């Protein structure tokens, strides 16, 4: 996985965390739990991608790839 995928997964996890939080406030616990599960899956996928990047990339490569990943997500 690329850093772009890691960033995308982290963004999805953040969204799911906010939805789960809002659902708790509304008392919709089933929906909150669903989003908690999907945020966990997204966070786990991001962690795998980041772990792999730590093994495969130099700090300079990570910086360049990270900048590209953020720009790509902003353009989407």
PDB file of N, CA and C in Angstrom:
ATOM      1  N   UNK A   1       0.829  -1.179   0.000  1.00  0.00           N
ATOM      2  CA  UNK A   1       0.000   0.000   0.000  1.00  0.00           C
ATOM      3  C   UNK A   1       0.874   1.244   0.000  1.00  0.00           C
ATOM      4  N   UNK A   2       0.340   2.298  -0.562  1.00  0.00           N
ATOM      5  CA  UNK A   2       1.074   3.557  -0.651  1.00  0.00           C
ATOM      6  C   UNK A   2       0.697   4.479   0.503  1.00  0.00           C
ATOM      7  N   UNK A   3       1.438   5.546   0.620  1.00  0.00           N
ATOM      8  CA  UNK A   3       1.083   6.552   1.612  1.00  0.00           C
ATOM      9  C   UNK A   3      -0.226   7.230   1.242  1.00  0.00           C
ATOM     10  N   UNK A   4      -0.531   7.282  -0.053  1.00  0.00           N
ATOM     11  CA  UNK A   4      -1.823   7.826  -0.462  1.00  0.00           C
ATOM     12  C   UNK A   4      -2.953   6.969   0.103  1.00  0.00           C
ATOM     13  N   UNK A   5      -2.789   5.667   0.052  1.00  0.00           N
ATOM     14  CA  UNK A   5      -3.796   4.771   0.619  1.00  0.00           C
ATOM     15  C   UNK A   5      -3.867   4.924   2.135  1.00  0.00           C
ATOM     16  N   UNK A   6      -2.737   5.068   2.785  1.00  0.00           N
ATOM     17  CA  UNK A   6      -2.731   5.270   4.238  1.00  0.00           C
ATOM     18  C   UNK A   6      -3.478   6.553   4.592  1.00  0.00           C
ATOM     19  N   UNK A   7      -3.210   7.618   3.870  1.00  0.00           N
ATOM     20  CA  UNK A   7      -3.884   8.889   4.135  1.00  0.00           C
ATOM     21  C   UNK A   7      -5.387   8.774   3.880  1.00  0.00           C
ATOM     22  N   UNK A   8      -5.750   8.090   2.821  1.00  0.00           N
ATOM     23  CA  UNK A   8      -7.169   7.893   2.501  1.00  0.00           C
ATOM     24  C   UNK A   8      -7.860   7.112   3.608  1.00  0.00           C
ATOM     25  N   UNK A   9      -7.216   6.059   4.083  1.00  0.00           N
ATOM     26  CA  UNK A   9      -7.793   5.248   5.151  1.00  0.00           C
ATOM     27  C   UNK A   9      -7.930   6.054   6.446  1.00  0.00           C
ATOM     28  N   UNK A  10      -6.941   6.872   6.750  1.00  0.00           N
ATOM     29  CA  UNK A  10      -7.013   7.709   7.946  1.00  0.00           C
ATOM     30  C   UNK A  10      -8.143   8.732   7.841  1.00  0.00           C
ATOM     31  N   UNK A  11      -8.319   9.284   6.654  1.00  0.00           N
ATOM     32  CA  UNK A  11      -9.410  10.229   6.444  1.00  0.00           C
ATOM     33  C   UNK A  11     -10.761   9.534   6.635  1.00  0.00           C
ATOM     34  N   UNK A  12     -10.883   8.321   6.111  1.00  0.00           N
ATOM     35  CA  UNK A  12     -12.115   7.558   6.279  1.00  0.00           C
ATOM     36  C   UNK A  12     -12.353   7.229   7.750  1.00  0.00           C
ATOM     37  N   UNK A  13     -11.296   6.855   8.453  1.00  0.00           N
ATOM     38  CA  UNK A  13     -11.428   6.535   9.882  1.00  0.00           C
ATOM     39  C   UNK A  13     -11.902   7.762  10.658  1.00  0.00           C
ATOM     40  N   UNK A  14     -11.364   8.905  10.333  1.00  0.00           N
ATOM     41  CA  UNK A  14     -11.791  10.142  10.992  1.00  0.00           C
ATOM     42  C   UNK A  14     -13.256  10.440  10.748  1.00  0.00           C
ATOM     43  N   UNK A  15     -13.698  10.230   9.518  1.00  0.00           N
ATOM     44  CA  UNK A  15     -15.107  10.440   9.195  1.00  0.00           C
ATOM     45  C   UNK A  15     -15.988   9.470   9.975  1.00  0.00           C
ATOM     46  N   UNK A  16     -15.602   8.196   9.975  1.00  0.00           N
ATOM     47  CA  UNK A  16     -16.395   7.203  10.696  1.00  0.00           C
ATOM     48  C   UNK A  16     -16.415   7.481  12.195  1.00  0.00           C
ATOM     49  N   UNK A  17     -15.313   7.988  12.737  1.00  0.00           N
ATOM     50  CA  UNK A  17     -15.286   8.339  14.158  1.00  0.00           C
ATOM     51  C   UNK A  17     -16.287   9.456  14.449  1.00  0.00           C
ATOM     52  N   UNK A  18     -16.342  10.451  13.589  1.00  0.00           N
ATOM     53  CA  UNK A  18     -17.273  11.559  13.798  1.00  0.00           C
ATOM     54  C   UNK A  18     -18.718  11.079  13.691  1.00  0.00           C
ATOM     55  N   UNK A  19     -18.999  10.234  12.705  1.00  0.00           N
ATOM     56  CA  UNK A  19     -20.364   9.708  12.553  1.00  0.00           C
ATOM     57  C   UNK A  19     -20.740   8.860  13.766  1.00  0.00           C
ATOM     58  N   UNK A  20     -19.824   8.004  14.221  1.00  0.00           N
ATOM     59  CA  UNK A  20     -20.105   7.178  15.402  1.00  0.00           C
ATOM     60  C   UNK A  20     -20.388   8.068  16.614  1.00  0.00           C
ATOM     61  N   UNK A  21     -19.591   9.101  16.783  1.00  0.00           N
ATOM     62  CA  UNK A  21     -19.784  10.041  17.892  1.00  0.00           C
ATOM     63  C   UNK A  21     -21.166  10.690  17.816  1.00  0.00           C
ATOM     64  N   UNK A  22     -21.521  11.150  16.626  1.00  0.00           N
ATOM     65  CA  UNK A  22     -22.823  11.787  16.444  1.00  0.00           C
ATOM     66  C   UNK A  22     -23.962  10.807  16.709  1.00  0.00           C
ATOM     67  N   UNK A  23     -23.801   9.567  16.273  1.00  0.00           N
ATOM     68  CA  UNK A  23     -24.828   8.553  16.498  1.00  0.00           C
ATOM     69  C   UNK A  23     -25.010   8.260  17.990  1.00  0.00           C
ATOM     70  N   UNK A  24     -23.923   8.260  18.741  1.00  0.00           N
ATOM     71  CA  UNK A  24     -24.033   8.080  20.192  1.00  0.00           C
ATOM     72  C   UNK A  24     -24.889   9.202  20.766  1.00  0.00           C
ATOM     73  N   UNK A  25     -24.624  10.414  20.346  1.00  0.00           N
ATOM     74  CA  UNK A  25     -25.392  11.566  20.830  1.00  0.00           C
ATOM     75  C   UNK A  25     -26.862  11.484  20.482  1.00  0.00           C
ATOM     76  N   UNK A  26     -27.159  10.826  19.371  1.00  0.00           N
ATOM     77  CA  UNK A  26     -28.552  10.659  18.953  1.00  0.00           C
ATOM     78  C   UNK A  26     -29.193   9.411  19.545  1.00  0.00           C
ATOM     79  N   UNK A  27     -28.411   8.621  20.246  1.00  0.00           N
ATOM     80  CA  UNK A  27     -28.927   7.389  20.828  1.00  0.00           C
ATOM     81  C   UNK A  27     -29.040   6.242  19.848  1.00  0.00           C
ATOM     82  N   UNK A  28     -28.463   6.391  18.662  1.00  0.00           N
ATOM     83  CA  UNK A  28     -28.501   5.331  17.634  1.00  0.00           C
ATOM     84  C   UNK A  28     -27.260   4.452  17.811  1.00  0.00           C
ATOM     85  N   UNK A  29     -27.322   3.584  18.801  1.00  0.00           N
ATOM     86  CA  UNK A  29     -26.142   2.808  19.177  1.00  0.00           C
ATOM     87  C   UNK A  29     -25.767   1.753  18.143  1.00  0.00           C
ATOM     88  N   UNK A  30     -26.732   1.178  17.447  1.00  0.00           N
ATOM     89  CA  UNK A  30     -26.390   0.192  16.415  1.00  0.00           C
ATOM     90  C   UNK A  30     -25.571   0.844  15.306  1.00  0.00           C
ATOM     91  N   UNK A  31     -26.016   1.995  14.860  1.00  0.00           N
ATOM     92  CA  UNK A  31     -25.278   2.701  13.806  1.00  0.00           C
ATOM     93  C   UNK A  31     -23.918   3.177  14.320  1.00  0.00           C
ATOM     94  N   UNK A  32     -23.869   3.603  15.561  1.00  0.00           N
ATOM     95  CA  UNK A  32     -22.587   4.012  16.154  1.00  0.00           C
ATOM     96  C   UNK A  32     -21.611   2.843  16.156  1.00  0.00           C
ATOM     97  N   UNK A  33     -22.101   1.678  16.524  1.00  0.00           N
ATOM     98  CA  UNK A  33     -21.228   0.496  16.552  1.00  0.00           C
ATOM     99  C   UNK A  33     -20.742   0.144  15.151  1.00  0.00           C
ATOM    100  N   UNK A  34     -21.628   0.210  14.154  1.00  0.00           N
ATOM    101  CA  UNK A  34     -21.223  -0.069  12.766  1.00  0.00           C
ATOM    102  C   UNK A  34     -20.087   0.845  12.337  1.00  0.00           C
ATOM    103  N   UNK A  35     -20.221   2.114  12.643  1.00  0.00           N
ATOM    104  CA  UNK A  35     -19.180   3.063  12.239  1.00  0.00           C
ATOM    105  C   UNK A  35     -17.911   2.883  13.064  1.00  0.00           C
ATOM    106  N   UNK A  36     -18.045   2.464  14.306  1.00  0.00           N
ATOM    107  CA  UNK A  36     -16.862   2.172  15.118  1.00  0.00           C
ATOM    108  C   UNK A  36     -16.082   0.997  14.524  1.00  0.00           C
ATOM    109  N   UNK A  37     -16.802   0.008  14.029  1.00  0.00           N
ATOM    110  CA  UNK A  37     -16.144  -1.146  13.403  1.00  0.00           C
ATOM    111  C   UNK A  37     -15.441  -0.732  12.120  1.00  0.00           C
ATOM    112  N   UNK A  38     -16.105   0.082  11.294  1.00  0.00           N
ATOM    113  CA  UNK A  38     -15.471   0.483  10.034  1.00  0.00           C
ATOM    114  C   UNK A  38     -14.305   1.430  10.267  1.00  0.00           C
ATOM    115  N   UNK A  39     -14.394   2.269  11.311  1.00  0.00           N
ATOM    116  CA  UNK A  39     -13.238   3.144  11.589  1.00  0.00           C
ATOM    117  C   UNK A  39     -12.052   2.316  12.050  1.00  0.00           C
ATOM    118  N   UNK A  40     -12.316   1.277  12.788  1.00  0.00           N
ATOM    119  CA  UNK A  40     -11.228   0.413  13.249  1.00  0.00           C
ATOM    120  C   UNK A  40     -10.556  -0.297  12.072  1.00  0.00           C
ATOM    121  N   UNK A  41     -11.365  -0.766  11.125  1.00  0.00           N
ATOM    122  CA  UNK A  41     -10.807  -1.428   9.946  1.00  0.00           C
ATOM    123  C   UNK A  41      -9.959  -0.450   9.126  1.00  0.00           C
ATOM    124  N   UNK A  42     -10.448   0.769   8.974  1.00  0.00           N
ATOM    125  CA  UNK A  42      -9.697   1.774   8.218  1.00  0.00           C
ATOM    126  C   UNK A  42      -8.400   2.134   8.938  1.00  0.00           C
ATOM    127  N   UNK A  43      -8.458   2.280  10.243  1.00  0.00           N
ATOM    128  CA  UNK A  43      -7.251   2.598  11.017  1.00  0.00           C
ATOM    129  C   UNK A  43      -6.241   1.456  10.932  1.00  0.00           C
ATOM    130  N   UNK A  44      -6.721   0.236  10.996  1.00  0.00           N
ATOM    131  CA  UNK A  44      -5.823  -0.922  10.869  1.00  0.00           C
ATOM    132  C   UNK A  44      -5.158  -0.958   9.498  1.00  0.00           C
ATOM    133  N   UNK A  45      -5.930  -0.676   8.446  1.00  0.00           N
ATOM    134  CA  UNK A  45      -5.364  -0.655   7.089  1.00  0.00           C
ATOM    135  C   UNK A  45      -4.311   0.441   6.964  1.00  0.00           C
ATOM    136  N   UNK A  46      -4.574   1.596   7.552  1.00  0.00           N
ATOM    137  CA  UNK A  46      -3.597   2.692   7.522  1.00  0.00           C
ATOM    138  C   UNK A  46      -2.331   2.299   8.268  1.00  0.00           C
ATOM    139  N   UNK A  47      -2.487   1.627   9.389  1.00  0.00           N
ATOM    140  CA  UNK A  47      -1.316   1.212  10.172  1.00  0.00           C
ATOM    141  C   UNK A  47      -0.462   0.235   9.381  1.00  0.00           C
ATOM    142  N   UNK A  48      -1.082  -0.681   8.655  1.00  0.00           N
ATOM    143  CA  UNK A  48      -0.335  -1.635   7.830  1.00  0.00           C
ATOM    144  C   UNK A  48       0.443  -0.882   6.751  1.00  0.00           C
ATOM    145  N   UNK A  49      -0.216   0.061   6.092  1.00  0.00           N
ATOM    146  CA  UNK A  49       0.451   0.831   5.039  1.00  0.00           C
ATOM    147  C   UNK A  49       1.608   1.646   5.599  1.00  0.00           C
ATOM    148  N   UNK A  50       1.425   2.245   6.752  1.00  0.00           N
ATOM    149  CA  UNK A  50       2.483   3.050   7.354  1.00  0.00           C
ATOM    150  C   UNK A  50       3.644   2.183   7.830  1.00  0.00           C
ATOM    151  N   UNK A  51       3.332   1.028   8.374  1.00  0.00           N
ATOM    152  CA  UNK A  51       4.378   0.102   8.808  1.00  0.00           C
ATOM    153  C   UNK A  51       5.231  -0.331   7.624  1.00  0.00           C
ATOM    154  N   UNK A  52       4.559  -0.615   6.517  1.00  0.00           N
ATOM    155  CA  UNK A  52       5.288  -1.022   5.304  1.00  0.00           C
ATOM    156  C   UNK A  52       6.141   0.134   4.775  1.00  0.00           C
ATOM    157  N   UNK A  53       5.587   1.335   4.804  1.00  0.00           N
ATOM    158  CA  UNK A  53       6.334   2.498   4.332  1.00  0.00           C
ATOM    159  C   UNK A  53       7.576   2.737   5.192  1.00  0.00           C
ATOM    160  N   UNK A  54       7.465   2.509   6.493  1.00  0.00           N
ATOM    161  CA  UNK A  54       8.630   2.659   7.368  1.00  0.00           C
ATOM    162  C   UNK A  54       9.748   1.705   6.978  1.00  0.00           C
ATOM    163  N   UNK A  55       9.372   0.528   6.516  1.00  0.00           N
ATOM    164  CA  UNK A  55      10.373  -0.460   6.107  1.00  0.00           C
ATOM    165  C   UNK A  55      10.965  -0.148   4.736  1.00  0.00           C
ATOM    166  N   UNK A  56      10.136   0.378   3.841  1.00  0.00           N
ATOM    167  CA  UNK A  56      10.527   0.505   2.440  1.00  0.00           C
ATOM    168  C   UNK A  56      11.049   1.870   2.011  1.00  0.00           C
ATOM    169  N   UNK A  57      10.743   2.916   2.763  1.00  0.00           N
ATOM    170  CA  UNK A  57      11.056   4.274   2.306  1.00  0.00           C
ATOM    171  C   UNK A  57      12.104   4.943   3.188  1.00  0.00           C
ATOM    172  N   UNK A  58      12.892   5.765   2.546  1.00  0.00           N
ATOM    173  CA  UNK A  58      13.776   6.660   3.293  1.00  0.00           C
ATOM    174  C   UNK A  58      12.917   7.825   3.800  1.00  0.00           C
ATOM    175  N   UNK A  59      13.406   8.578   4.760  1.00  0.00           N
ATOM    176  CA  UNK A  59      12.637   9.752   5.207  1.00  0.00           C
ATOM    177  C   UNK A  59      12.361  10.741   4.070  1.00  0.00           C
ATOM    178  N   UNK A  60      13.304  10.886   3.163  1.00  0.00           N
ATOM    179  CA  UNK A  60      13.119  11.800   2.038  1.00  0.00           C
ATOM    180  C   UNK A  60      12.025  11.294   1.099  1.00  0.00           C
ATOM    181  N   UNK A  61      12.036   9.999   0.816  1.00  0.00           N
ATOM    182  CA  UNK A  61      10.990   9.417  -0.022  1.00  0.00           C
ATOM    183  C   UNK A  61       9.619   9.546   0.647  1.00  0.00           C
ATOM    184  N   UNK A  62       9.575   9.316   1.946  1.00  0.00           N
ATOM    185  CA  UNK A  62       8.316   9.413   2.685  1.00  0.00           C
ATOM    186  C   UNK A  62       7.768  10.839   2.636  1.00  0.00           C
ATOM    187  N   UNK A  63       8.655  11.821   2.749  1.00  0.00           N
ATOM    188  CA  UNK A  63       8.199  13.205   2.700  1.00  0.00           C
ATOM    189  C   UNK A  63       7.592  13.529   1.338  1.00  0.00           C
ATOM    190  N   UNK A  64       8.279  13.154   0.279  1.00  0.00           N
ATOM    191  CA  UNK A  64       7.760  13.415  -1.070  1.00  0.00           C
ATOM    192  C   UNK A  64       6.455  12.670  -1.323  1.00  0.00           C
ATOM    193  N   UNK A  65       6.421  11.395  -0.986  1.00  0.00           N
ATOM    194  CA  UNK A  65       5.228  10.587  -1.187  1.00  0.00           C
ATOM    195  C   UNK A  65       4.076  11.096  -0.320  1.00  0.00           C
ATOM    196  N   UNK A  66       4.380  11.503   0.903  1.00  0.00           N
ATOM    197  CA  UNK A  66       3.350  12.047   1.794  1.00  0.00           C
ATOM    198  C   UNK A  66       2.746  13.327   1.253  1.00  0.00           C
ATOM    199  N   UNK A  67       3.581  14.208   0.733  1.00  0.00           N
ATOM    200  CA  UNK A  67       3.083  15.450   0.132  1.00  0.00           C
ATOM    201  C   UNK A  67       2.186  15.143  -1.055  1.00  0.00           C
ATOM    202  N   UNK A  68       2.596  14.210  -1.895  1.00  0.00           N
ATOM    203  CA  UNK A  68       1.778  13.806  -3.054  1.00  0.00           C
ATOM    204  C   UNK A  68       0.445  13.219  -2.606  1.00  0.00           C
ATOM    205  N   UNK A  69       0.482  12.430  -1.555  1.00  0.00           N
ATOM    206  CA  UNK A  69      -0.738  11.783  -1.052  1.00  0.00           C
ATOM    207  C   UNK A  69      -1.749  12.823  -0.574  1.00  0.00           C
ATOM    208  N   UNK A  70      -1.275  13.804   0.166  1.00  0.00           N
ATOM    209  CA  UNK A  70      -2.177  14.832   0.688  1.00  0.00           C
ATOM    210  C   UNK A  70      -2.745  15.673  -0.447  1.00  0.00           C
ATOM    211  N   UNK A  71      -1.920  16.031  -1.401  1.00  0.00           N
ATOM    212  CA  UNK A  71      -2.395  16.802  -2.554  1.00  0.00           C
ATOM    213  C   UNK A  71      -3.430  16.014  -3.336  1.00  0.00           C
ATOM    214  N   UNK A  72      -3.175  14.726  -3.538  1.00  0.00           N
ATOM    215  CA  UNK A  72      -4.133  13.891  -4.274  1.00  0.00           C
ATOM    216  C   UNK A  72      -5.471  13.816  -3.560  1.00  0.00           C
ATOM    217  N   UNK A  73      -5.446  13.721  -2.237  1.00  0.00           N
ATOM    218  CA  UNK A  73      -6.702  13.671  -1.479  1.00  0.00           C
ATOM    219  C   UNK A  73      -7.442  15.008  -1.515  1.00  0.00           C
ATOM    220  N   UNK A  74      -6.704  16.094  -1.502  1.00  0.00           N
ATOM    221  CA  UNK A  74      -7.339  17.412  -1.564  1.00  0.00           C
ATOM    222  C   UNK A  74      -7.979  17.646  -2.927  1.00  0.00           C
ATOM    223  N   UNK A  75      -7.370  17.103  -3.983  1.00  0.00           N
ATOM    224  CA  UNK A  75      -7.901  17.275  -5.336  1.00  0.00           C
ATOM    225  C   UNK A  75      -9.125  16.400  -5.588  1.00  0.00           C
ATOM    226  N   UNK A  76      -9.256  15.334  -4.802  1.00  0.00           N
ATOM    227  CA  UNK A  76     -10.375  14.390  -5.040  1.00  0.00           C
ATOM    228  C   UNK A  76     -11.687  14.936  -4.537  1.00  0.00           C
TER     229      UNK A  76
END
